[in-house]
Amino acid sequence: MSAVRPYRPLAQVRAVGGPYVDQVVADFRALPPEVAAQPRYQEARALAEQCDELDWRQLFTLELWVLQLMPLYQLEQRAAVLGEIFARPPSPRPLPDEDDYAERLRAWALNLQSERQWVFRKNLLLEQEGWRLRRRLVETWLAVSVAALLLGWVTVLLGWGGVGVLALAGWLGVTGAYVSIARRIQSGSATRPGESSRGTAFGNLCALDVGQDTLVQAMLFGGVFAWIGYGLLASGLLGHLLDGGLNSALLPQFSIVGLGTAGLELGWPQPAGERELVKLAVWCFVFGFAERLVPGVLDKLSGKLNKDRDRG
């Protein structure tokens, strides 16, 4: 959001805020004629008459002005509605026998209304940030997908099957990382007035928005982890390094196949059949999705190497 226009124009969010706008305007029109002489009435009237051109800041200002202009009987009705909306009001509602009851009730209602506006703005920002991050994710994933598709097409033409399998493994790792990050973004949920913002993903989304380059790096790391995991599977190290090992039926079996046909003698481990290729594909996706799996395996490997070095 830019500093010049902190909220999107109303026309762009009519589908989200349409009922909200209609309710605020209806509240203004329901004011009795005697309040026309009060301060802020003419300003509120000018905003209500151009309701189709307001931005969010103007709309929220109009809502608070309407609340300030309400006579006591309308104010009590609105206070009752606000009391039902809020799960945990920040303060108890003033009682009719208290001194300055009308002013206390108006201040209490204004406080709750301001809090409700903040929750609405926060949820709107939550959706906006989530959309921006999802778009960045999709753009990165599409770019990697196109690159992998072109590389796979070239390897088919040249007969370099091993390179094609590597391209597939990297693409699946990036895809796994994409799904993992997208799930975390999707976990962000809107809050209701009176609910604590703790436990929601709003702060996490803001952190991800600030570090969008880190977000792209996390997806690319998924491809790198898939390649490293490929090597761990092909070498047989993965089952030995994980606690308790793994059932051999879960791990793909490999056979050494020539990397190319242009007189290239280098062999490369490739899945020994269609079923083994499917197993490898699942594992590569998991390597990207479970972002701590490959680093955890590498930490165990380096730990064992350090122990052997210390013993020597």
Protein backbone atom coordinates (compact mmCIF):
# COMPACT_ATOMS: atom_id res chain seq x y z
CA MET A 1 0.00 0.00 0.00
CA SER A 2 1.42 3.36 -0.94
CA ALA A 3 1.80 6.20 1.53
CA VAL A 4 -0.24 8.54 -0.70
CA ARG A 5 -3.32 6.30 -0.85
CA PRO A 6 -3.28 4.02 2.20
CA TYR A 7 -6.59 2.39 1.27
CA ARG A 8 -7.89 1.22 -2.08
CA PRO A 9 -10.72 3.26 -3.67
CA LEU A 10 -14.17 2.14 -2.69
CA ALA A 11 -15.05 1.15 -6.25
CA GLN A 12 -12.34 -1.55 -6.15
CA VAL A 13 -13.64 -3.18 -2.99
CA ARG A 14 -17.39 -2.79 -3.47
CA ALA A 15 -17.85 -6.55 -3.46
CA VAL A 16 -16.23 -6.70 -0.02
CA GLY A 17 -17.48 -3.49 1.57
CA GLY A 18 -20.76 -2.85 -0.24
CA PRO A 19 -23.08 -3.79 2.67
CA TYR A 20 -20.80 -1.88 5.03
CA VAL A 21 -21.13 1.30 2.94
CA ASP A 22 -24.88 0.93 2.58
CA GLN A 23 -25.30 0.52 6.34
CA VAL A 24 -23.26 3.64 7.16
CA VAL A 25 -25.22 5.74 4.67
CA ALA A 26 -28.52 4.34 5.97
CA ASP A 27 -27.49 5.25 9.54
CA PHE A 28 -26.86 8.84 8.46
CA ARG A 29 -30.19 9.13 6.70
CA ALA A 30 -31.95 7.75 9.80
CA LEU A 31 -30.72 10.64 11.95
CA PRO A 32 -33.56 12.91 13.16
CA PRO A 33 -33.84 16.43 11.65
CA GLU A 34 -32.92 18.18 14.91
CA VAL A 35 -29.28 17.02 14.69
CA ALA A 36 -28.74 19.11 11.54
CA ALA A 37 -27.59 22.03 13.67
CA GLN A 38 -24.85 20.02 15.39
CA PRO A 39 -21.18 20.23 14.42
CA ARG A 40 -19.97 17.77 11.76
CA TYR A 41 -23.46 17.31 10.31
CA GLN A 42 -22.77 19.21 7.10
CA GLU A 43 -19.43 17.44 6.62
CA ALA A 44 -21.09 14.08 7.21
CA ARG A 45 -23.86 14.96 4.76
CA ALA A 46 -21.30 15.84 2.07
CA LEU A 47 -19.59 12.47 2.51
CA ALA A 48 -22.87 10.55 2.50
CA GLU A 49 -23.95 12.22 -0.74
CA GLN A 50 -20.78 11.07 -2.51
CA CYS A 51 -20.74 7.56 -1.04
CA ASP A 52 -19.89 5.99 -4.41
CA GLU A 53 -16.61 7.92 -4.54
CA LEU A 54 -15.34 7.54 -0.98
CA ASP A 55 -12.17 5.78 0.04
CA TRP A 56 -11.97 3.75 3.22
CA ARG A 57 -10.59 6.57 5.35
CA GLN A 58 -13.54 8.81 4.42
CA LEU A 59 -16.02 6.01 5.00
CA PHE A 60 -14.67 5.28 8.49
CA THR A 61 -14.70 8.99 9.31
CA LEU A 62 -18.34 9.23 8.23
CA GLU A 63 -19.25 6.24 10.39
CA LEU A 64 -17.73 7.82 13.50
CA TRP A 65 -19.36 11.18 12.78
CA VAL A 66 -22.76 9.49 12.47
CA LEU A 67 -22.20 7.85 15.85
CA GLN A 68 -21.36 11.22 17.39
CA LEU A 69 -24.55 12.77 15.93
CA MET A 70 -26.93 10.05 17.16
CA PRO A 71 -29.43 11.02 19.83
CA LEU A 72 -29.48 8.92 23.00
CA TYR A 73 -32.18 6.46 21.92
CA GLN A 74 -30.34 5.63 18.67
CA LEU A 75 -27.04 5.53 20.52
CA GLU A 76 -28.39 2.95 22.96
CA GLN A 77 -29.57 0.79 20.07
CA ARG A 78 -26.17 0.98 18.41
CA ALA A 79 -24.40 0.25 21.69
CA ALA A 80 -26.53 -2.89 22.08
CA VAL A 81 -25.52 -4.04 18.59
CA LEU A 82 -21.84 -3.38 19.28
CA GLY A 83 -22.06 -5.25 22.56
CA GLU A 84 -23.33 -8.31 20.70
CA ILE A 85 -20.70 -8.05 17.97
CA PHE A 86 -17.72 -7.97 20.30
CA ALA A 87 -16.76 -11.26 21.86
CA ARG A 88 -14.75 -9.49 24.59
CA PRO A 89 -15.43 -5.72 24.85
CA PRO A 90 -12.37 -3.81 26.11
CA SER A 91 -14.46 -2.22 28.88
CA PRO A 92 -17.92 -2.77 30.40
CA ARG A 93 -20.83 -0.80 29.01
CA PRO A 94 -21.78 2.22 31.15
CA LEU A 95 -24.93 1.88 33.23
CA PRO A 96 -27.87 4.32 32.91
CA ASP A 97 -27.56 5.46 36.54
CA GLU A 98 -23.96 6.61 36.14
CA ASP A 99 -23.05 10.28 35.95
CA ASP A 100 -22.75 11.66 32.40
CA TYR A 101 -24.32 8.46 31.12
CA ALA A 102 -24.89 9.76 27.60
CA GLU A 103 -21.32 10.95 27.15
CA ARG A 104 -19.86 7.80 28.71
CA LEU A 105 -22.00 5.63 26.47
CA ARG A 106 -21.01 7.63 23.39
CA ALA A 107 -17.31 7.33 24.24
CA TRP A 108 -17.74 3.59 24.87
CA ALA A 109 -19.50 3.11 21.54
CA LEU A 110 -16.91 5.19 19.66
CA ASN A 111 -14.15 3.08 21.17
CA LEU A 112 -15.80 -0.16 20.04
CA GLN A 113 -16.62 1.27 16.62
CA SER A 114 -13.00 2.33 16.11
CA GLU A 115 -11.85 -1.14 17.11
CA ARG A 116 -14.31 -2.67 14.67
CA GLN A 117 -12.97 -0.45 11.89
CA TRP A 118 -9.42 -1.55 12.67
CA VAL A 119 -10.43 -5.22 12.51
CA PHE A 120 -12.12 -4.62 9.16
CA ARG A 121 -9.05 -2.82 7.80
CA LYS A 122 -6.75 -5.54 9.14
CA ASN A 123 -8.78 -8.30 7.49
CA LEU A 124 -8.83 -6.36 4.23
CA LEU A 125 -5.06 -5.95 4.38
CA LEU A 126 -4.75 -9.63 5.18
CA GLU A 127 -6.53 -10.52 1.95
CA GLN A 128 -4.49 -8.00 -0.04
CA GLU A 129 -1.15 -9.22 1.27
CA GLY A 130 -2.19 -12.83 0.75
CA TRP A 131 -3.13 -12.08 -2.86
CA ARG A 132 0.18 -10.32 -3.53
CA LEU A 133 2.19 -13.18 -2.07
CA ARG A 134 0.19 -15.81 -3.94
CA ARG A 135 0.78 -13.92 -7.19
CA ARG A 136 4.53 -13.77 -6.51
CA LEU A 137 4.53 -17.48 -5.75
CA VAL A 138 2.68 -18.36 -8.95
CA GLU A 139 4.96 -16.15 -11.06
CA THR A 140 8.06 -17.82 -9.63
CA TRP A 141 6.61 -21.30 -10.02
CA LEU A 142 5.58 -20.63 -13.63
CA ALA A 143 9.06 -19.33 -14.49
CA VAL A 144 10.68 -22.43 -13.02
CA SER A 145 8.13 -24.66 -14.76
CA VAL A 146 8.86 -23.10 -18.15
CA ALA A 147 12.60 -23.47 -17.61
CA ALA A 148 12.21 -27.12 -16.57
CA LEU A 149 9.94 -27.81 -19.55
CA LEU A 150 12.44 -26.30 -22.00
CA LEU A 151 15.30 -28.22 -20.42
CA GLY A 152 13.30 -31.43 -20.57
CA TRP A 153 12.46 -30.85 -24.22
CA VAL A 154 16.14 -30.25 -25.07
CA THR A 155 17.21 -33.40 -23.22
CA VAL A 156 14.66 -35.46 -25.14
CA LEU A 157 16.01 -34.13 -28.43
CA LEU A 158 19.60 -34.82 -27.42
CA GLY A 159 18.87 -38.12 -25.70
CA TRP A 160 20.20 -36.97 -22.34
CA GLY A 161 17.77 -38.89 -20.15
CA GLY A 162 19.73 -38.31 -16.94
CA VAL A 163 19.57 -34.54 -17.31
CA GLY A 164 15.83 -34.78 -17.92
CA VAL A 165 15.37 -36.71 -14.66
CA LEU A 166 17.40 -34.06 -12.85
CA ALA A 167 15.20 -31.33 -14.33
CA LEU A 168 12.11 -33.21 -13.19
CA ALA A 169 13.54 -33.64 -9.68
CA GLY A 170 14.34 -29.94 -9.37
CA TRP A 171 10.91 -28.90 -10.63
CA LEU A 172 9.19 -31.23 -8.15
CA GLY A 173 11.29 -29.79 -5.31
CA VAL A 174 10.29 -26.23 -6.25
CA THR A 175 6.66 -27.37 -6.53
CA GLY A 176 6.81 -28.92 -3.07
CA ALA A 177 8.20 -25.69 -1.61
CA TYR A 178 5.49 -23.73 -3.43
CA VAL A 179 2.74 -25.88 -1.90
CA SER A 180 4.29 -25.60 1.57
CA ILE A 181 4.49 -21.78 1.46
CA ALA A 182 1.02 -21.49 -0.10
CA ARG A 183 -0.44 -23.56 2.73
CA ARG A 184 1.09 -21.26 5.31
CA ILE A 185 -0.38 -18.24 3.54
CA GLN A 186 -3.77 -19.92 3.32
CA SER A 187 -3.70 -20.55 7.07
CA GLY A 188 -4.16 -16.82 7.62
CA SER A 189 -7.69 -16.27 8.90
CA ALA A 190 -9.76 -13.18 9.45
CA THR A 191 -10.39 -12.07 13.01
CA ARG A 192 -13.59 -10.82 14.58
CA PRO A 193 -13.99 -7.75 16.79
CA GLY A 194 -12.91 -8.49 20.34
CA GLU A 195 -10.65 -11.39 19.35
CA SER A 196 -6.94 -11.27 20.00
CA SER A 197 -4.77 -10.95 16.92
CA ARG A 198 -2.32 -13.43 18.44
CA GLY A 199 -2.38 -16.77 16.72
CA THR A 200 -3.40 -15.30 13.37
CA ALA A 201 -1.15 -15.19 10.32
CA PHE A 202 -1.42 -11.41 9.80
CA GLY A 203 1.98 -10.70 11.33
CA ASN A 204 3.51 -13.61 9.43
CA LEU A 205 2.08 -12.30 6.17
CA CYS A 206 3.55 -8.87 6.80
CA ALA A 207 6.93 -10.48 7.52
CA LEU A 208 6.70 -12.49 4.30
CA ASP A 209 5.72 -9.36 2.38
CA VAL A 210 8.78 -7.52 3.67
CA GLY A 211 11.00 -10.46 2.69
CA GLN A 212 9.57 -11.40 -0.70
CA ASP A 213 13.07 -12.14 -2.01
CA THR A 214 13.45 -14.63 0.83
CA LEU A 215 10.17 -16.17 -0.27
CA VAL A 216 11.53 -16.74 -3.78
CA GLN A 217 14.76 -18.13 -2.36
CA ALA A 218 12.78 -20.60 -0.25
CA MET A 219 11.14 -21.94 -3.40
CA LEU A 220 14.45 -22.22 -5.24
CA PHE A 221 15.99 -23.93 -2.22
CA GLY A 222 13.28 -26.56 -2.63
CA GLY A 223 14.77 -27.46 -6.01
CA VAL A 224 18.30 -27.56 -4.58
CA PHE A 225 17.14 -29.80 -1.73
CA ALA A 226 15.47 -32.11 -4.24
CA TRP A 227 18.78 -32.49 -6.12
CA ILE A 228 20.67 -33.17 -2.90
CA GLY A 229 17.98 -35.63 -1.85
CA TYR A 230 18.34 -37.30 -5.24
CA GLY A 231 21.98 -37.91 -4.42
CA LEU A 232 21.17 -39.17 -0.94
CA LEU A 233 18.67 -41.65 -2.36
CA ALA A 234 20.91 -42.81 -5.19
CA SER A 235 23.86 -43.32 -2.83
CA GLY A 236 21.80 -45.17 -0.21
CA LEU A 237 22.77 -42.68 2.51
CA LEU A 238 19.24 -41.53 3.31
CA GLY A 239 18.06 -44.79 4.87
CA HIS A 240 21.24 -45.09 6.95
CA LEU A 241 21.23 -41.52 8.22
CA LEU A 242 17.60 -41.34 9.30
CA ASP A 243 16.87 -42.78 12.73
CA GLY A 244 15.92 -46.43 12.46
CA GLY A 245 16.43 -46.44 8.71
CA LEU A 246 13.65 -46.74 6.17
CA ASN A 247 11.86 -49.66 4.63
CA SER A 248 13.62 -50.39 1.36
CA ALA A 249 10.23 -50.67 -0.33
CA LEU A 250 9.72 -46.94 0.27
CA LEU A 251 12.97 -45.97 -1.44
CA PRO A 252 13.43 -45.93 -5.21
CA GLN A 253 15.89 -48.34 -6.74
CA PHE A 254 18.47 -47.03 -9.20
CA SER A 255 20.48 -48.34 -12.11
CA ILE A 256 23.47 -46.74 -13.80
CA VAL A 257 22.57 -45.36 -17.22
CA GLY A 258 24.69 -43.31 -19.60
CA LEU A 259 24.12 -39.61 -19.20
CA GLY A 260 24.11 -38.95 -22.93
CA THR A 261 24.55 -40.50 -26.35
CA ALA A 262 27.12 -38.16 -27.87
CA GLY A 263 30.09 -40.33 -26.90
CA LEU A 264 29.65 -39.38 -23.23
CA GLU A 265 30.94 -42.19 -21.04
CA LEU A 266 29.77 -40.79 -17.74
CA GLY A 267 27.11 -42.94 -16.07
CA TRP A 268 24.35 -41.56 -13.89
CA PRO A 269 22.03 -43.35 -11.43
CA GLN A 270 18.46 -43.27 -12.70
CA PRO A 271 15.27 -44.93 -11.44
CA ALA A 272 15.15 -48.57 -12.50
CA GLY A 273 11.65 -48.55 -13.99
CA GLU A 274 8.41 -46.61 -13.97
CA ARG A 275 7.47 -47.45 -10.37
CA GLU A 276 10.87 -46.32 -9.13
CA LEU A 277 10.50 -43.09 -11.08
CA VAL A 278 7.19 -42.44 -9.33
CA LYS A 279 8.82 -43.09 -5.94
CA LEU A 280 11.61 -40.67 -6.80
CA ALA A 281 9.05 -38.05 -7.88
CA VAL A 282 7.23 -38.34 -4.55
CA TRP A 283 10.47 -38.08 -2.60
CA CYS A 284 11.62 -35.02 -4.55
CA PHE A 285 8.31 -33.33 -3.82
CA VAL A 286 8.71 -34.18 -0.12
CA PHE A 287 12.27 -32.79 -0.10
CA GLY A 288 10.91 -29.43 -1.26
CA PHE A 289 7.77 -29.53 0.89
CA ALA A 290 9.48 -30.56 4.15
CA GLU A 291 12.04 -27.78 4.15
CA ARG A 292 13.96 -29.16 7.15
CA LEU A 293 14.27 -32.75 5.92
CA VAL A 294 17.38 -32.45 3.75
CA PRO A 295 19.17 -29.93 6.04
CA GLY A 296 18.44 -32.25 8.96
CA VAL A 297 19.97 -35.20 7.13
CA LEU A 298 23.00 -33.12 6.19
CA ASP A 299 23.40 -32.01 9.82
CA LYS A 300 23.44 -35.65 10.90
CA LEU A 301 26.00 -36.50 8.24
CA SER A 302 28.28 -33.63 9.24
CA GLY A 303 27.86 -34.58 12.91
CA LYS A 304 29.00 -38.12 12.22
CA LEU A 305 31.96 -36.86 10.21
CA ASN A 306 32.96 -34.54 13.05
CA LYS A 307 32.75 -37.40 15.56
CA ASP A 308 34.93 -39.63 13.38
CA ARG A 309 37.44 -36.81 12.97
CA ASP A 310 37.59 -36.20 16.72
CA ARG A 311 38.12 -39.90 17.36
CA GLY A 312 40.90 -40.02 14.80
